N, C-alpha and C. Protein backbone atom coordinates (compact mmCIF):
# COMPACT_ATOMS: atom_id res chain seq x y z
N MET A 1 100.37 134.60 42.02
CA MET A 1 99.56 134.42 42.84
C MET A 1 98.89 135.51 42.97
N LYS A 2 97.38 135.37 42.78
CA LYS A 2 96.36 136.38 43.25
C LYS A 2 96.08 136.32 44.59
N THR A 3 96.30 137.53 45.26
CA THR A 3 96.13 137.43 46.76
C THR A 3 95.02 138.24 47.06
N ILE A 4 93.90 137.80 47.86
CA ILE A 4 92.92 139.14 48.57
C ILE A 4 92.54 138.62 49.76
N VAL A 5 92.84 140.07 50.59
CA VAL A 5 92.76 139.70 51.90
C VAL A 5 91.38 140.73 52.24
N LYS A 6 90.52 140.05 52.98
CA LYS A 6 89.39 141.03 53.64
C LYS A 6 89.09 140.69 55.05
N ALA A 7 88.56 141.63 55.47
CA ALA A 7 88.11 141.68 57.02
C ALA A 7 86.72 141.95 57.00
N ARG A 8 86.25 141.27 58.06
CA ARG A 8 84.70 141.52 58.03
C ARG A 8 84.39 141.61 59.75
N HIS A 9 83.75 142.58 60.06
CA HIS A 9 83.53 143.32 61.27
C HIS A 9 84.47 143.48 62.12
N MET A 10 85.60 143.99 61.46
CA MET A 10 87.13 144.04 62.11
C MET A 10 88.14 145.22 61.06
N GLU A 11 88.80 145.92 61.73
CA GLU A 11 89.67 146.54 60.80
C GLU A 11 90.74 146.07 60.12
N LEU A 12 91.02 146.09 59.06
CA LEU A 12 92.26 145.27 58.14
C LEU A 12 93.23 146.76 58.33
N ASN A 13 94.41 146.50 59.36
CA ASN A 13 95.55 147.54 59.36
C ASN A 13 96.47 146.98 58.64
N ASP A 14 97.58 147.70 58.41
CA ASP A 14 98.68 147.10 57.70
C ASP A 14 99.69 145.92 58.50
N SER A 15 99.39 146.29 59.72
CA SER A 15 100.27 144.98 60.59
C SER A 15 99.57 143.64 60.37
N LEU A 16 98.25 143.66 60.12
CA LEU A 16 97.54 142.50 59.96
C LEU A 16 97.88 142.09 58.53
N ARG A 17 97.99 142.89 57.57
CA ARG A 17 98.17 142.39 56.31
C ARG A 17 99.52 142.04 56.14
N ALA A 18 100.64 142.61 56.85
CA ALA A 18 101.96 142.05 56.74
C ALA A 18 101.79 140.48 57.39
N TYR A 19 101.23 140.33 58.51
CA TYR A 19 101.36 139.07 59.13
C TYR A 19 100.61 138.14 58.09
N VAL A 20 99.55 138.27 57.55
CA VAL A 20 99.07 137.37 56.64
C VAL A 20 100.13 137.02 55.45
N GLU A 21 100.63 138.05 55.06
CA GLU A 21 101.88 137.85 54.07
C GLU A 21 102.97 137.22 54.30
N GLU A 22 103.29 137.03 55.79
CA GLU A 22 104.62 136.25 56.36
C GLU A 22 103.90 134.93 56.57
N LYS A 23 103.05 134.47 57.15
CA LYS A 23 102.48 133.37 57.54
C LYS A 23 101.57 132.63 56.59
N ILE A 24 101.16 133.45 55.59
CA ILE A 24 100.13 132.62 54.58
C ILE A 24 100.65 132.80 53.27
N GLN A 25 100.89 133.82 52.86
CA GLN A 25 101.09 134.12 51.47
C GLN A 25 102.56 133.67 50.93
N ARG A 26 103.69 133.92 51.68
CA ARG A 26 104.90 133.33 51.13
C ARG A 26 105.19 132.16 51.43
N PRO A 27 105.04 131.08 52.25
CA PRO A 27 104.87 130.14 52.27
C PRO A 27 103.97 129.04 51.39
N ALA A 28 102.69 129.80 50.96
CA ALA A 28 101.85 128.97 50.05
C ALA A 28 102.65 129.60 48.60
N ALA A 29 103.23 130.54 48.31
CA ALA A 29 104.08 130.77 47.12
C ALA A 29 104.86 129.83 46.87
N LYS A 30 105.52 129.47 47.81
CA LYS A 30 106.62 128.27 47.69
C LYS A 30 106.06 126.93 47.22
N HIS A 31 105.21 126.64 47.20
CA HIS A 31 104.39 125.53 46.90
C HIS A 31 103.77 125.56 45.53
N PHE A 32 102.81 126.60 45.29
CA PHE A 32 102.47 127.18 44.23
C PHE A 32 102.29 128.43 44.19
N ASP A 33 102.95 128.95 42.83
CA ASP A 33 102.97 130.09 42.57
C ASP A 33 102.65 130.29 40.77
N GLY A 34 101.66 130.58 40.65
CA GLY A 34 101.46 130.93 39.25
C GLY A 34 100.28 131.91 38.91
N PRO A 35 99.88 132.34 37.93
CA PRO A 35 98.90 133.27 37.54
C PRO A 35 97.46 132.83 37.65
N SER A 36 97.41 131.42 37.62
CA SER A 36 95.84 130.46 37.85
C SER A 36 95.51 130.38 39.34
N VAL A 37 96.42 130.58 40.11
CA VAL A 37 96.32 130.32 41.64
C VAL A 37 96.02 131.45 42.30
N THR A 38 94.73 131.37 43.09
CA THR A 38 94.24 132.57 43.70
C THR A 38 93.99 132.15 45.21
N LEU A 39 94.34 133.08 45.92
CA LEU A 39 94.59 132.89 47.63
C LEU A 39 93.58 133.95 48.15
N GLU A 40 92.66 133.66 48.82
CA GLU A 40 91.74 134.35 49.72
C GLU A 40 91.72 134.28 51.04
N VAL A 41 91.95 135.21 51.81
CA VAL A 41 91.95 135.28 53.49
C VAL A 41 90.86 136.27 53.68
N GLU A 42 90.26 135.49 54.55
CA GLU A 42 88.87 136.25 55.00
C GLU A 42 89.10 136.34 56.74
N LEU A 43 89.29 137.36 57.34
CA LEU A 43 89.83 137.76 58.64
C LEU A 43 88.12 138.33 59.15
N SER A 44 87.42 137.71 60.48
CA SER A 44 86.57 138.18 60.79
C SER A 44 86.21 138.18 62.29
N ASN A 45 85.39 138.84 62.96
CA ASN A 45 85.07 138.92 64.40
C ASN A 45 83.41 138.42 64.41
N LEU A 46 83.49 137.20 65.04
CA LEU A 46 82.32 136.54 64.99
C LEU A 46 81.13 137.09 65.98
N LEU A 47 81.82 137.09 67.05
CA LEU A 47 80.67 137.83 68.06
C LEU A 47 80.78 139.13 68.44
N GLY A 48 81.59 139.72 68.03
CA GLY A 48 81.95 141.40 67.97
C GLY A 48 82.47 141.53 69.62
N PRO A 49 81.81 142.66 70.42
CA PRO A 49 82.23 142.85 71.45
C PRO A 49 82.03 141.88 72.62
N LYS A 50 81.39 140.93 72.29
CA LYS A 50 80.97 139.91 73.54
C LYS A 50 82.44 139.02 74.09
N GLY A 51 83.23 139.06 73.37
CA GLY A 51 84.68 138.47 73.57
C GLY A 51 84.59 136.88 73.37
N GLY A 52 85.55 135.99 73.79
CA GLY A 52 85.81 134.51 73.92
C GLY A 52 86.24 134.35 72.51
N LYS A 53 86.22 133.02 72.24
CA LYS A 53 86.75 132.31 71.03
C LYS A 53 86.04 132.75 69.93
N ASP A 54 86.50 134.17 68.91
CA ASP A 54 85.37 134.53 68.23
C ASP A 54 86.05 135.23 66.83
N LYS A 55 87.55 135.05 67.05
CA LYS A 55 88.12 135.72 65.67
C LYS A 55 88.45 134.52 64.76
N GLN A 56 88.14 134.31 63.72
CA GLN A 56 88.31 133.58 62.55
C GLN A 56 88.97 133.94 61.34
N CYS A 57 89.88 132.95 61.00
CA CYS A 57 90.44 133.18 59.62
C CYS A 57 90.24 131.95 58.67
N GLU A 58 89.69 132.40 57.67
CA GLU A 58 89.38 131.39 56.56
C GLU A 58 90.18 131.67 55.24
N ILE A 59 90.57 130.60 54.89
CA ILE A 59 91.61 130.65 53.54
C ILE A 59 91.08 129.77 52.52
N THR A 60 90.87 130.28 51.62
CA THR A 60 90.37 129.61 50.34
C THR A 60 91.31 129.78 49.05
N MET A 61 92.02 128.66 48.90
CA MET A 61 93.01 128.39 47.86
C MET A 61 92.39 127.59 46.65
N SER A 62 92.49 128.57 45.32
CA SER A 62 92.07 127.67 44.19
C SER A 62 93.29 127.55 43.58
N LEU A 63 93.72 126.03 43.27
CA LEU A 63 94.62 125.56 42.59
C LEU A 63 94.33 125.18 40.99
N PRO A 64 95.66 125.02 40.37
CA PRO A 64 95.42 124.76 38.76
C PRO A 64 94.28 123.54 38.69
N ARG A 65 93.79 123.40 37.52
CA ARG A 65 92.78 122.05 37.44
C ARG A 65 91.58 122.46 38.42
N GLY A 66 91.49 123.47 38.94
CA GLY A 66 89.90 123.45 39.52
C GLY A 66 89.67 123.00 41.00
N GLN A 67 91.12 122.62 41.41
CA GLN A 67 91.26 122.28 42.86
C GLN A 67 91.14 123.13 44.04
N ILE A 68 90.57 122.82 45.09
CA ILE A 68 90.05 123.77 45.95
C ILE A 68 90.42 123.58 47.40
N LEU A 69 91.48 124.38 48.31
CA LEU A 69 91.84 124.06 49.41
C LEU A 69 91.05 125.07 50.27
N ARG A 70 90.22 124.71 51.43
CA ARG A 70 89.82 125.62 52.27
C ARG A 70 90.09 125.05 53.83
N ILE A 71 90.52 126.14 54.46
CA ILE A 71 90.88 125.97 55.80
C ILE A 71 90.25 127.01 56.60
N GLU A 72 89.68 126.65 57.75
CA GLU A 72 88.79 127.73 58.96
C GLU A 72 89.47 127.05 59.96
N GLU A 73 90.14 128.35 60.75
CA GLU A 73 90.19 128.54 61.95
C GLU A 73 89.63 129.59 62.94
N VAL A 74 89.35 128.90 64.11
CA VAL A 74 88.69 130.07 65.30
C VAL A 74 89.77 129.96 66.20
N GLU A 75 90.37 131.22 67.00
CA GLU A 75 90.59 131.23 68.07
C GLU A 75 90.43 132.71 68.77
N GLU A 76 91.19 132.90 69.88
CA GLU A 76 90.60 133.65 70.72
C GLU A 76 91.37 135.00 70.12
N ASP A 77 92.74 135.00 69.67
CA ASP A 77 93.41 135.91 69.02
C ASP A 77 93.65 135.88 67.57
N ILE A 78 93.39 136.68 66.89
CA ILE A 78 93.32 136.96 65.18
C ILE A 78 94.74 136.56 64.67
N TYR A 79 96.01 136.98 65.56
CA TYR A 79 97.20 136.54 65.26
C TYR A 79 97.54 134.97 65.33
N THR A 80 96.78 134.44 66.44
CA THR A 80 97.03 133.17 66.38
C THR A 80 96.25 132.13 65.39
N ALA A 81 94.98 132.83 65.20
CA ALA A 81 94.05 132.27 64.22
C ALA A 81 95.05 132.15 62.76
N ILE A 82 95.31 133.01 62.45
CA ILE A 82 96.40 133.38 61.07
C ILE A 82 97.42 132.52 61.11
N SER A 83 98.32 132.44 62.12
CA SER A 83 99.22 131.35 62.37
C SER A 83 99.09 130.12 62.31
N VAL A 84 97.76 129.62 62.83
CA VAL A 84 97.44 128.18 62.76
C VAL A 84 96.70 127.89 61.32
N ALA A 85 96.26 128.68 61.01
CA ALA A 85 95.54 128.24 59.67
C ALA A 85 96.79 128.28 58.49
N GLY A 86 97.54 129.24 58.75
CA GLY A 86 98.98 129.00 57.74
C GLY A 86 99.48 127.89 57.83
N ASP A 87 99.67 127.48 59.20
CA ASP A 87 100.59 126.09 58.83
C ASP A 87 99.68 125.26 58.67
N ARG A 88 98.28 124.97 58.75
CA ARG A 88 97.53 123.75 57.99
C ARG A 88 97.32 123.87 56.77
N LEU A 89 97.24 125.19 56.00
CA LEU A 89 97.62 125.47 54.63
C LEU A 89 98.78 124.95 54.12
N VAL A 90 99.98 125.00 54.70
CA VAL A 90 101.06 124.56 54.62
C VAL A 90 101.21 122.70 54.47
N ARG A 91 100.74 122.45 55.46
CA ARG A 91 100.44 120.91 55.49
C ARG A 91 99.55 120.28 54.34
N SER A 92 98.40 121.05 53.98
CA SER A 92 97.38 120.51 53.09
C SER A 92 98.06 120.40 51.71
N LEU A 93 99.08 121.75 51.46
CA LEU A 93 99.55 121.77 50.18
C LEU A 93 100.84 120.68 50.12
N GLU A 94 101.43 120.50 51.03
CA GLU A 94 102.60 119.43 51.02
C GLU A 94 101.88 118.01 50.66
N ARG A 95 100.54 117.90 51.26
CA ARG A 95 100.03 116.39 51.41
C ARG A 95 99.33 116.23 49.82
N TYR A 96 98.86 117.60 49.38
CA TYR A 96 98.48 117.72 47.79
C TYR A 96 99.46 117.27 47.18
N LYS A 97 100.52 117.89 46.96
CA LYS A 97 101.69 117.71 46.20
C LYS A 97 102.18 116.52 46.19
N GLU A 98 102.03 115.75 47.56
CA GLU A 98 102.81 114.42 47.59
C GLU A 98 101.60 113.48 46.89
N LYS A 99 100.27 113.87 47.07
CA LYS A 99 99.60 112.64 45.97
C LYS A 99 99.70 112.92 44.88
N LYS A 100 99.80 114.01 44.32
CA LYS A 100 100.03 114.27 42.86
C LYS A 100 101.22 113.65 42.36
N LEU A 101 102.45 113.77 43.25
CA LEU A 101 103.55 113.04 42.60
C LEU A 101 103.86 111.71 42.84
N PHE A 102 103.21 111.41 43.98
CA PHE A 102 103.41 109.74 43.93
C PHE A 102 101.99 108.74 44.20
N GLY A 103 100.78 109.45 44.13
CA GLY A 103 99.94 108.70 43.79
C GLY A 103 99.81 107.54 42.68
N SER A 104 100.29 107.77 41.57
CA SER A 104 100.30 106.68 40.62
C SER A 104 101.42 106.55 40.12
N ARG A 105 102.21 107.11 40.30
CA ARG A 105 103.65 106.92 39.27
C ARG A 105 104.31 105.88 40.07
N TYR A 106 104.53 105.93 40.99
CA TYR A 106 105.27 104.88 41.81
C TYR A 106 104.40 103.72 42.79
N PRO A 107 104.98 102.40 42.80
CA PRO A 107 104.22 101.54 43.36
C PRO A 107 104.54 101.99 44.96
N LYS A 108 103.40 101.38 45.81
CA LYS A 108 103.29 101.39 47.26
C LYS A 108 104.69 101.30 47.86
N LYS A 109 105.52 100.22 47.60
CA LYS A 109 106.37 100.16 48.37
C LYS A 109 107.62 101.20 48.29
N TYR A 110 107.87 102.01 47.36
CA TYR A 110 108.61 102.88 47.06
C TYR A 110 108.54 104.29 48.05
N TYR A 111 106.92 104.46 48.16
CA TYR A 111 106.52 105.28 48.82
C TYR A 111 106.63 105.13 50.40
N MET A 112 106.50 103.89 50.51
CA MET A 112 106.50 103.70 52.28
C MET A 112 108.29 103.47 52.36
N ALA A 113 108.98 103.27 51.71
CA ALA A 113 110.48 103.36 51.70
C ALA A 113 110.99 105.01 52.34
N LYS A 114 110.27 106.11 51.45
CA LYS A 114 110.69 107.34 51.61
C LYS A 114 110.00 107.50 52.61
N ILE A 115 108.80 107.52 53.10
CA ILE A 115 108.35 107.88 54.52
C ILE A 115 109.25 107.30 55.80
N LEU A 116 109.55 106.17 55.52
CA LEU A 116 110.45 105.49 56.45
C LEU A 116 111.87 106.23 56.59
N ASN A 117 112.34 106.73 55.56
CA ASN A 117 113.72 107.17 55.24
C ASN A 117 113.56 108.52 55.98
N ARG A 118 112.50 109.22 55.86
CA ARG A 118 112.03 110.23 56.24
C ARG A 118 111.87 110.44 58.24
N GLU A 119 111.40 109.62 58.58
CA GLU A 119 111.20 108.89 59.98
C GLU A 119 112.65 108.69 60.59
N ALA A 120 113.49 107.87 59.82
CA ALA A 120 114.77 107.58 60.32
C ALA A 120 115.63 108.86 60.51
N ALA A 121 115.62 109.86 59.28
CA ALA A 121 116.30 110.96 59.42
C ALA A 121 115.71 111.96 60.57
N ALA A 122 114.94 111.92 60.74
CA ALA A 122 114.27 112.73 62.14
C ALA A 122 114.72 112.40 63.49
N GLU A 123 114.77 110.97 63.39
CA GLU A 123 115.31 110.24 64.68
C GLU A 123 116.49 110.43 64.72
N SER A 124 117.33 110.36 63.67
CA SER A 124 118.96 110.78 64.03
C SER A 124 119.03 112.18 63.97
N GLU A 125 118.57 113.05 63.65
CA GLU A 125 118.64 114.42 64.14
C GLU A 125 118.24 114.71 65.46
N SER A 126 116.93 114.16 66.09
CA SER A 126 116.96 114.38 67.41
C SER A 126 117.90 113.65 68.34
N GLU A 127 118.62 112.59 68.03
CA GLU A 127 119.79 112.19 68.82
C GLU A 127 120.82 112.94 69.16
N GLU A 128 121.41 113.92 67.99
CA GLU A 128 122.56 114.65 67.94
C GLU A 128 122.13 115.92 68.77
């Protein structure tokens, strides 16, 4: 996977790069890791020194066969924005893979049975 990390109106230091790798790149590589996959992360400070909710993390991931996932998150802290955007990217990748696997291959009843079994397993874990 080709990864590009950019910063706009802020300094991109080693700790930010490491945090992006931990929260975005590694989880994304678990789902899609190949030469045709490109992950672009752009970190920016929207309002500059004014303050407020102005730290933005944009993720653009191009998947095989021309699919593009785009996540944008704005928070008060850049690390929080990276973390939330990474979680949203992982959920989107799981949803995309689930649609690819179960969309046309299985009838709906098997897909629903899988979801119900997952919920039942989650309930049994919470009871323990």
